[in-house]
Amino acid sequence: MQIDNHFDVPLGLEDAWRTLLDVPAIADCMPGAKLLEAEDDTTYKGEVQVKLGPVLMSFRGTAEIVEADAANRSAKVKAQGRDTKGRGNASALVTFALEEAGEATRVNLKTDLNLSGSVAQYGRSSWMIKDLADHLIREFAKKLEA
């Protein structure tokens, strides 16, 4: 499933780039996310809790910055996790690209999301997943700005 989002960061392009790649500093901005361990400067272990309809799921896994193109201010993050109750898996490749937006920076996101197991049954309605993604990005942007 492909999901496109965007949000603005009230920082200049260079500051926004540095901030968004500092995963330990921004992890708490993601609703339901908890950073458990930094394996190195690009690989992180964590847990994310999300409510999909009436079901609260907790995914434990890894996220890795697999590409960071400073010249073009774009990066790719590969994330994968397993529901802690064994209901399935989620994996995503998130590409983000930054562009100037006046005195702020626009962050354009493209997410290729894959769900498997019974988790995929909960998320069968793509609109439900899209609504959840939109909500999470809005909340992330608010917390990041604060």
N, C-alpha and C. Protein backbone atom coordinates (compact mmCIF):
# COMPACT_ATOMS: atom_id res chain seq x y z
N MET A 1 0.84 -1.16 0.00
CA MET A 1 0.00 0.00 0.00
C MET A 1 0.90 1.24 0.00
N GLN A 2 0.61 2.17 -0.89
CA GLN A 2 1.38 3.40 -1.01
C GLN A 2 0.63 4.52 -0.29
N ILE A 3 1.33 5.24 0.58
CA ILE A 3 0.74 6.37 1.32
C ILE A 3 1.63 7.58 1.13
N ASP A 4 1.02 8.70 0.73
CA ASP A 4 1.75 9.96 0.56
C ASP A 4 1.26 10.96 1.61
N ASN A 5 2.21 11.62 2.27
CA ASN A 5 1.91 12.64 3.27
C ASN A 5 2.91 13.78 3.12
N HIS A 6 2.63 14.86 3.80
CA HIS A 6 3.62 15.93 3.93
C HIS A 6 3.31 16.73 5.19
N PHE A 7 4.33 17.42 5.67
CA PHE A 7 4.16 18.35 6.79
C PHE A 7 5.26 19.38 6.70
N ASP A 8 5.06 20.49 7.41
CA ASP A 8 6.06 21.56 7.42
C ASP A 8 6.76 21.59 8.77
N VAL A 9 8.06 21.91 8.72
CA VAL A 9 8.88 22.06 9.91
C VAL A 9 9.30 23.52 9.97
N PRO A 10 9.13 24.19 11.11
CA PRO A 10 9.47 25.61 11.19
C PRO A 10 10.98 25.85 11.35
N LEU A 11 11.75 25.22 10.48
CA LEU A 11 13.20 25.34 10.47
C LEU A 11 13.66 25.53 9.04
N GLY A 12 14.84 26.10 8.88
CA GLY A 12 15.44 26.17 7.57
C GLY A 12 15.82 24.77 7.08
N LEU A 13 16.12 24.69 5.82
CA LEU A 13 16.39 23.40 5.18
C LEU A 13 17.50 22.61 5.88
N GLU A 14 18.62 23.25 6.14
CA GLU A 14 19.77 22.56 6.76
C GLU A 14 19.44 22.08 8.17
N ASP A 15 18.81 22.95 8.98
CA ASP A 15 18.45 22.56 10.34
C ASP A 15 17.41 21.45 10.34
N ALA A 16 16.45 21.51 9.43
CA ALA A 16 15.42 20.47 9.34
C ALA A 16 16.08 19.13 8.97
N TRP A 17 17.02 19.15 8.04
CA TRP A 17 17.72 17.94 7.61
C TRP A 17 18.43 17.29 8.81
N ARG A 18 19.20 18.08 9.54
CA ARG A 18 19.93 17.54 10.70
C ARG A 18 18.96 17.01 11.76
N THR A 19 17.90 17.74 12.00
CA THR A 19 16.93 17.35 13.02
C THR A 19 16.25 16.04 12.67
N LEU A 20 15.79 15.90 11.44
CA LEU A 20 15.05 14.70 11.05
C LEU A 20 15.91 13.44 10.99
N LEU A 21 17.21 13.60 10.86
CA LEU A 21 18.10 12.43 10.87
C LEU A 21 18.60 12.08 12.26
N ASP A 22 18.25 12.89 13.26
CA ASP A 22 18.65 12.64 14.64
C ASP A 22 17.54 11.82 15.32
N VAL A 23 17.50 10.55 15.01
CA VAL A 23 16.41 9.68 15.46
C VAL A 23 16.27 9.67 16.98
N PRO A 24 17.34 9.56 17.77
CA PRO A 24 17.14 9.57 19.22
C PRO A 24 16.48 10.86 19.73
N ALA A 25 16.75 11.96 19.07
CA ALA A 25 16.17 13.24 19.51
C ALA A 25 14.70 13.39 19.14
N ILE A 26 14.27 12.77 18.05
CA ILE A 26 12.89 12.97 17.59
C ILE A 26 11.97 11.77 17.81
N ALA A 27 12.51 10.66 18.30
CA ALA A 27 11.70 9.44 18.45
C ALA A 27 10.47 9.67 19.32
N ASP A 28 10.59 10.45 20.37
CA ASP A 28 9.46 10.69 21.26
C ASP A 28 8.37 11.53 20.60
N CYS A 29 8.67 12.15 19.48
CA CYS A 29 7.66 12.95 18.77
C CYS A 29 6.66 12.07 18.03
N MET A 30 7.02 10.84 17.74
CA MET A 30 6.11 9.93 17.03
C MET A 30 5.14 9.33 18.03
N PRO A 31 3.84 9.56 17.84
CA PRO A 31 2.85 9.02 18.77
C PRO A 31 2.96 7.50 18.90
N GLY A 32 3.01 7.03 20.13
CA GLY A 32 3.05 5.60 20.40
C GLY A 32 4.41 4.96 20.24
N ALA A 33 5.42 5.73 19.85
CA ALA A 33 6.75 5.15 19.60
C ALA A 33 7.64 5.24 20.85
N LYS A 34 8.47 4.24 20.98
CA LYS A 34 9.43 4.19 22.07
C LYS A 34 10.75 3.65 21.52
N LEU A 35 11.79 4.42 21.61
CA LEU A 35 13.12 3.98 21.18
C LEU A 35 13.70 3.09 22.27
N LEU A 36 14.08 1.88 21.90
CA LEU A 36 14.62 0.93 22.87
C LEU A 36 16.13 0.88 22.85
N GLU A 37 16.72 1.02 21.66
CA GLU A 37 18.18 0.89 21.54
C GLU A 37 18.65 1.46 20.22
N ALA A 38 19.78 2.13 20.26
CA ALA A 38 20.46 2.57 19.04
C ALA A 38 21.60 1.59 18.79
N GLU A 39 21.49 0.80 17.72
CA GLU A 39 22.55 -0.15 17.40
C GLU A 39 23.77 0.58 16.88
N ASP A 40 23.54 1.62 16.08
CA ASP A 40 24.60 2.48 15.56
C ASP A 40 23.92 3.78 15.12
N ASP A 41 24.59 4.58 14.30
CA ASP A 41 24.03 5.88 13.88
C ASP A 41 22.91 5.77 12.87
N THR A 42 22.65 4.57 12.35
CA THR A 42 21.61 4.41 11.33
C THR A 42 20.58 3.33 11.63
N THR A 43 20.80 2.53 12.66
CA THR A 43 19.91 1.40 12.96
C THR A 43 19.41 1.49 14.39
N TYR A 44 18.09 1.37 14.53
CA TYR A 44 17.45 1.57 15.83
C TYR A 44 16.43 0.48 16.09
N LYS A 45 16.35 0.06 17.35
CA LYS A 45 15.32 -0.88 17.78
C LYS A 45 14.28 -0.10 18.56
N GLY A 46 13.02 -0.46 18.34
CA GLY A 46 11.98 0.26 19.06
C GLY A 46 10.66 -0.48 19.05
N GLU A 47 9.68 0.20 19.60
CA GLU A 47 8.33 -0.33 19.68
C GLU A 47 7.37 0.78 19.33
N VAL A 48 6.32 0.44 18.59
CA VAL A 48 5.29 1.40 18.21
C VAL A 48 3.93 0.79 18.52
N GLN A 49 3.12 1.53 19.25
CA GLN A 49 1.75 1.11 19.52
C GLN A 49 0.81 1.95 18.68
N VAL A 50 -0.10 1.29 17.99
CA VAL A 50 -1.10 1.98 17.17
C VAL A 50 -2.45 1.33 17.40
N LYS A 51 -3.48 2.14 17.30
CA LYS A 51 -4.83 1.62 17.41
C LYS A 51 -5.44 1.65 16.02
N LEU A 52 -5.80 0.49 15.55
CA LEU A 52 -6.40 0.35 14.23
C LEU A 52 -7.83 -0.13 14.44
N GLY A 53 -8.76 0.80 14.30
CA GLY A 53 -10.14 0.48 14.65
C GLY A 53 -10.20 0.20 16.14
N PRO A 54 -10.82 -0.90 16.55
CA PRO A 54 -10.92 -1.21 17.98
C PRO A 54 -9.71 -1.97 18.53
N VAL A 55 -8.73 -2.25 17.70
CA VAL A 55 -7.62 -3.12 18.09
C VAL A 55 -6.35 -2.30 18.35
N LEU A 56 -5.79 -2.47 19.56
CA LEU A 56 -4.52 -1.84 19.89
C LEU A 56 -3.41 -2.84 19.58
N MET A 57 -2.48 -2.43 18.72
CA MET A 57 -1.38 -3.31 18.35
C MET A 57 -0.06 -2.69 18.77
N SER A 58 0.86 -3.54 19.10
CA SER A 58 2.19 -3.10 19.47
C SER A 58 3.20 -3.85 18.60
N PHE A 59 3.96 -3.09 17.84
CA PHE A 59 4.97 -3.68 16.96
C PHE A 59 6.35 -3.41 17.53
N ARG A 60 7.15 -4.45 17.62
CA ARG A 60 8.53 -4.33 18.06
C ARG A 60 9.42 -4.69 16.89
N GLY A 61 10.42 -3.85 16.61
CA GLY A 61 11.28 -4.14 15.47
C GLY A 61 12.40 -3.15 15.30
N THR A 62 12.81 -2.96 14.07
CA THR A 62 13.95 -2.10 13.77
C THR A 62 13.60 -1.09 12.69
N ALA A 63 14.32 0.00 12.73
CA ALA A 63 14.26 1.00 11.67
C ALA A 63 15.71 1.33 11.31
N GLU A 64 15.95 1.41 10.01
CA GLU A 64 17.30 1.69 9.54
C GLU A 64 17.26 2.75 8.46
N ILE A 65 18.11 3.76 8.62
CA ILE A 65 18.28 4.76 7.57
C ILE A 65 19.17 4.10 6.53
N VAL A 66 18.58 3.70 5.41
CA VAL A 66 19.33 2.95 4.40
C VAL A 66 19.94 3.86 3.35
N GLU A 67 19.49 5.09 3.28
CA GLU A 67 20.05 6.04 2.32
C GLU A 67 19.82 7.45 2.86
N ALA A 68 20.85 8.27 2.81
CA ALA A 68 20.74 9.67 3.19
C ALA A 68 21.53 10.49 2.19
N ASP A 69 20.83 11.20 1.33
CA ASP A 69 21.42 12.00 0.27
C ASP A 69 21.40 13.46 0.70
N ALA A 70 22.48 13.91 1.34
CA ALA A 70 22.54 15.27 1.87
C ALA A 70 22.43 16.32 0.77
N ALA A 71 22.99 16.06 -0.39
CA ALA A 71 22.95 17.04 -1.48
C ALA A 71 21.52 17.31 -1.94
N ASN A 72 20.71 16.27 -1.99
CA ASN A 72 19.32 16.41 -2.43
C ASN A 72 18.33 16.47 -1.28
N ARG A 73 18.84 16.41 -0.04
CA ARG A 73 18.00 16.43 1.16
C ARG A 73 16.87 15.40 1.08
N SER A 74 17.27 14.16 0.81
CA SER A 74 16.30 13.07 0.76
C SER A 74 16.91 11.85 1.46
N ALA A 75 16.04 11.01 1.99
CA ALA A 75 16.50 9.82 2.70
C ALA A 75 15.46 8.72 2.59
N LYS A 76 15.94 7.50 2.83
CA LYS A 76 15.06 6.34 2.86
C LYS A 76 15.27 5.62 4.18
N VAL A 77 14.16 5.24 4.79
CA VAL A 77 14.18 4.51 6.06
C VAL A 77 13.40 3.22 5.87
N LYS A 78 14.03 2.13 6.22
CA LYS A 78 13.39 0.81 6.15
C LYS A 78 13.02 0.40 7.57
N ALA A 79 11.75 0.09 7.77
CA ALA A 79 11.28 -0.32 9.10
C ALA A 79 10.55 -1.65 8.99
N GLN A 80 10.71 -2.46 10.01
CA GLN A 80 9.98 -3.72 10.06
C GLN A 80 9.75 -4.09 11.51
N GLY A 81 8.58 -4.66 11.75
CA GLY A 81 8.24 -5.04 13.11
C GLY A 81 7.25 -6.18 13.13
N ARG A 82 7.21 -6.82 14.28
CA ARG A 82 6.31 -7.95 14.51
C ARG A 82 5.40 -7.55 15.66
N ASP A 83 4.09 -7.83 15.49
CA ASP A 83 3.14 -7.57 16.57
C ASP A 83 3.53 -8.43 17.77
N THR A 84 3.58 -7.82 18.94
CA THR A 84 4.06 -8.53 20.13
C THR A 84 3.11 -9.64 20.58
N LYS A 85 1.88 -9.66 20.06
CA LYS A 85 0.94 -10.74 20.38
C LYS A 85 0.86 -11.78 19.27
N GLY A 86 1.79 -11.67 18.30
CA GLY A 86 1.87 -12.67 17.25
C GLY A 86 0.81 -12.58 16.18
N ARG A 87 0.20 -11.39 16.03
CA ARG A 87 -0.88 -11.26 15.06
C ARG A 87 -0.41 -10.89 13.66
N GLY A 88 0.89 -10.75 13.48
CA GLY A 88 1.39 -10.45 12.14
C GLY A 88 2.56 -9.50 12.15
N ASN A 89 2.90 -9.07 10.95
CA ASN A 89 4.08 -8.23 10.75
C ASN A 89 3.72 -6.99 9.94
N ALA A 90 4.56 -5.98 10.08
CA ALA A 90 4.44 -4.77 9.27
C ALA A 90 5.84 -4.41 8.80
N SER A 91 5.94 -3.96 7.57
CA SER A 91 7.21 -3.45 7.06
C SER A 91 6.90 -2.24 6.19
N ALA A 92 7.85 -1.33 6.15
CA ALA A 92 7.65 -0.10 5.38
C ALA A 92 8.98 0.41 4.87
N LEU A 93 8.92 0.99 3.69
CA LEU A 93 10.04 1.76 3.17
C LEU A 93 9.51 3.18 3.05
N VAL A 94 10.08 4.07 3.85
CA VAL A 94 9.64 5.46 3.88
C VAL A 94 10.71 6.32 3.22
N THR A 95 10.30 7.07 2.22
CA THR A 95 11.19 8.00 1.53
C THR A 95 10.74 9.40 1.90
N PHE A 96 11.68 10.23 2.36
CA PHE A 96 11.31 11.61 2.60
C PHE A 96 12.27 12.54 1.87
N ALA A 97 11.70 13.62 1.39
CA ALA A 97 12.47 14.64 0.66
C ALA A 97 12.08 16.00 1.21
N LEU A 98 13.07 16.83 1.42
CA LEU A 98 12.84 18.16 1.97
C LEU A 98 12.90 19.21 0.87
N GLU A 99 12.07 20.25 1.01
CA GLU A 99 12.12 21.38 0.09
C GLU A 99 11.81 22.66 0.86
N GLU A 100 12.38 23.74 0.41
CA GLU A 100 12.13 25.03 1.07
C GLU A 100 10.67 25.40 0.90
N ALA A 101 10.10 25.98 1.97
CA ALA A 101 8.72 26.45 1.96
C ALA A 101 8.69 27.77 2.72
N GLY A 102 9.21 28.80 2.07
CA GLY A 102 9.34 30.09 2.75
C GLY A 102 10.42 29.98 3.80
N GLU A 103 10.08 30.35 5.04
CA GLU A 103 11.05 30.25 6.14
C GLU A 103 11.02 28.87 6.79
N ALA A 104 10.12 28.02 6.33
CA ALA A 104 10.00 26.66 6.87
C ALA A 104 10.54 25.67 5.84
N THR A 105 10.42 24.41 6.18
CA THR A 105 10.81 23.32 5.28
C THR A 105 9.65 22.35 5.15
N ARG A 106 9.30 22.01 3.93
CA ARG A 106 8.26 21.02 3.67
C ARG A 106 8.92 19.65 3.60
N VAL A 107 8.34 18.69 4.30
CA VAL A 107 8.80 17.31 4.30
C VAL A 107 7.76 16.49 3.54
N ASN A 108 8.15 15.95 2.39
CA ASN A 108 7.28 15.11 1.57
C ASN A 108 7.62 13.66 1.84
N LEU A 109 6.62 12.88 2.22
CA LEU A 109 6.80 11.48 2.59
C LEU A 109 6.09 10.56 1.61
N LYS A 110 6.75 9.48 1.25
CA LYS A 110 6.14 8.40 0.49
C LYS A 110 6.42 7.12 1.26
N THR A 111 5.37 6.42 1.61
CA THR A 111 5.51 5.20 2.39
C THR A 111 4.95 4.02 1.61
N ASP A 112 5.76 2.99 1.46
CA ASP A 112 5.32 1.73 0.88
C ASP A 112 5.16 0.77 2.05
N LEU A 113 3.91 0.52 2.45
CA LEU A 113 3.58 -0.26 3.65
C LEU A 113 3.08 -1.64 3.27
N ASN A 114 3.58 -2.65 3.99
CA ASN A 114 3.13 -4.02 3.80
C ASN A 114 2.73 -4.60 5.15
N LEU A 115 1.53 -5.16 5.22
CA LEU A 115 1.04 -5.82 6.41
C LEU A 115 0.81 -7.29 6.10
N SER A 116 1.10 -8.17 7.06
CA SER A 116 0.85 -9.59 6.85
C SER A 116 0.27 -10.20 8.12
N GLY A 117 -0.30 -11.38 7.97
CA GLY A 117 -0.94 -12.04 9.10
C GLY A 117 -2.30 -11.42 9.38
N SER A 118 -2.81 -11.66 10.58
CA SER A 118 -4.13 -11.12 10.90
C SER A 118 -4.12 -9.60 10.98
N VAL A 119 -2.95 -9.01 11.16
CA VAL A 119 -2.83 -7.55 11.14
C VAL A 119 -3.34 -7.01 9.81
N ALA A 120 -3.06 -7.73 8.74
CA ALA A 120 -3.53 -7.30 7.42
C ALA A 120 -5.05 -7.31 7.35
N GLN A 121 -5.69 -8.21 8.08
CA GLN A 121 -7.16 -8.25 8.12
C GLN A 121 -7.72 -7.00 8.78
N TYR A 122 -7.08 -6.55 9.86
CA TYR A 122 -7.55 -5.35 10.55
C TYR A 122 -7.43 -4.13 9.65
N GLY A 123 -6.41 -4.13 8.81
CA GLY A 123 -6.16 -2.97 7.97
C GLY A 123 -6.62 -3.13 6.54
N ARG A 124 -7.58 -4.03 6.30
CA ARG A 124 -8.04 -4.27 4.93
C ARG A 124 -8.54 -3.02 4.25
N SER A 125 -9.17 -2.14 4.98
CA SER A 125 -9.68 -0.90 4.39
C SER A 125 -8.53 0.09 4.27
N SER A 126 -8.12 0.36 3.05
CA SER A 126 -6.98 1.26 2.86
C SER A 126 -7.26 2.65 3.39
N TRP A 127 -8.53 3.08 3.39
CA TRP A 127 -8.84 4.39 3.93
C TRP A 127 -8.55 4.46 5.42
N MET A 128 -8.74 3.33 6.14
CA MET A 128 -8.47 3.31 7.58
C MET A 128 -6.97 3.48 7.84
N ILE A 129 -6.15 2.82 7.06
CA ILE A 129 -4.70 2.93 7.19
C ILE A 129 -4.27 4.35 6.83
N LYS A 130 -4.81 4.89 5.74
CA LYS A 130 -4.47 6.25 5.31
C LYS A 130 -4.86 7.27 6.38
N ASP A 131 -6.05 7.13 6.96
CA ASP A 131 -6.48 8.04 8.04
C ASP A 131 -5.55 7.95 9.24
N LEU A 132 -5.15 6.73 9.60
CA LEU A 132 -4.23 6.55 10.72
C LEU A 132 -2.89 7.20 10.40
N ALA A 133 -2.38 7.00 9.20
CA ALA A 133 -1.10 7.60 8.80
C ALA A 133 -1.18 9.12 8.83
N ASP A 134 -2.26 9.69 8.31
CA ASP A 134 -2.44 11.14 8.34
C ASP A 134 -2.45 11.67 9.77
N HIS A 135 -3.16 10.97 10.64
CA HIS A 135 -3.24 11.37 12.05
C HIS A 135 -1.86 11.33 12.71
N LEU A 136 -1.13 10.22 12.51
CA LEU A 136 0.19 10.08 13.12
C LEU A 136 1.15 11.16 12.63
N ILE A 137 1.10 11.48 11.34
CA ILE A 137 2.00 12.51 10.79
C ILE A 137 1.64 13.88 11.36
N ARG A 138 0.35 14.20 11.46
CA ARG A 138 -0.06 15.49 12.05
C ARG A 138 0.43 15.61 13.48
N GLU A 139 0.25 14.54 14.26
CA GLU A 139 0.67 14.57 15.66
C GLU A 139 2.20 14.66 15.77
N PHE A 140 2.91 13.92 14.93
CA PHE A 140 4.36 14.00 14.90
C PHE A 140 4.83 15.42 14.62
N ALA A 141 4.24 16.05 13.62
CA ALA A 141 4.62 17.42 13.24
C ALA A 141 4.36 18.40 14.38
N LYS A 142 3.24 18.25 15.09
CA LYS A 142 2.93 19.13 16.23
C LYS A 142 3.96 18.98 17.33
N LYS A 143 4.29 17.73 17.65
CA LYS A 143 5.26 17.48 18.73
C LYS A 143 6.65 17.95 18.32
N LEU A 144 6.99 17.76 17.06
CA LEU A 144 8.30 18.20 16.57
C LEU A 144 8.41 19.71 16.66
N GLU A 145 7.35 20.41 16.29
CA GLU A 145 7.36 21.87 16.34
C GLU A 145 7.49 22.36 17.77
N ALA A 146 6.80 21.68 18.72
CA ALA A 146 6.87 22.08 20.13
C ALA A 146 8.27 21.84 20.67
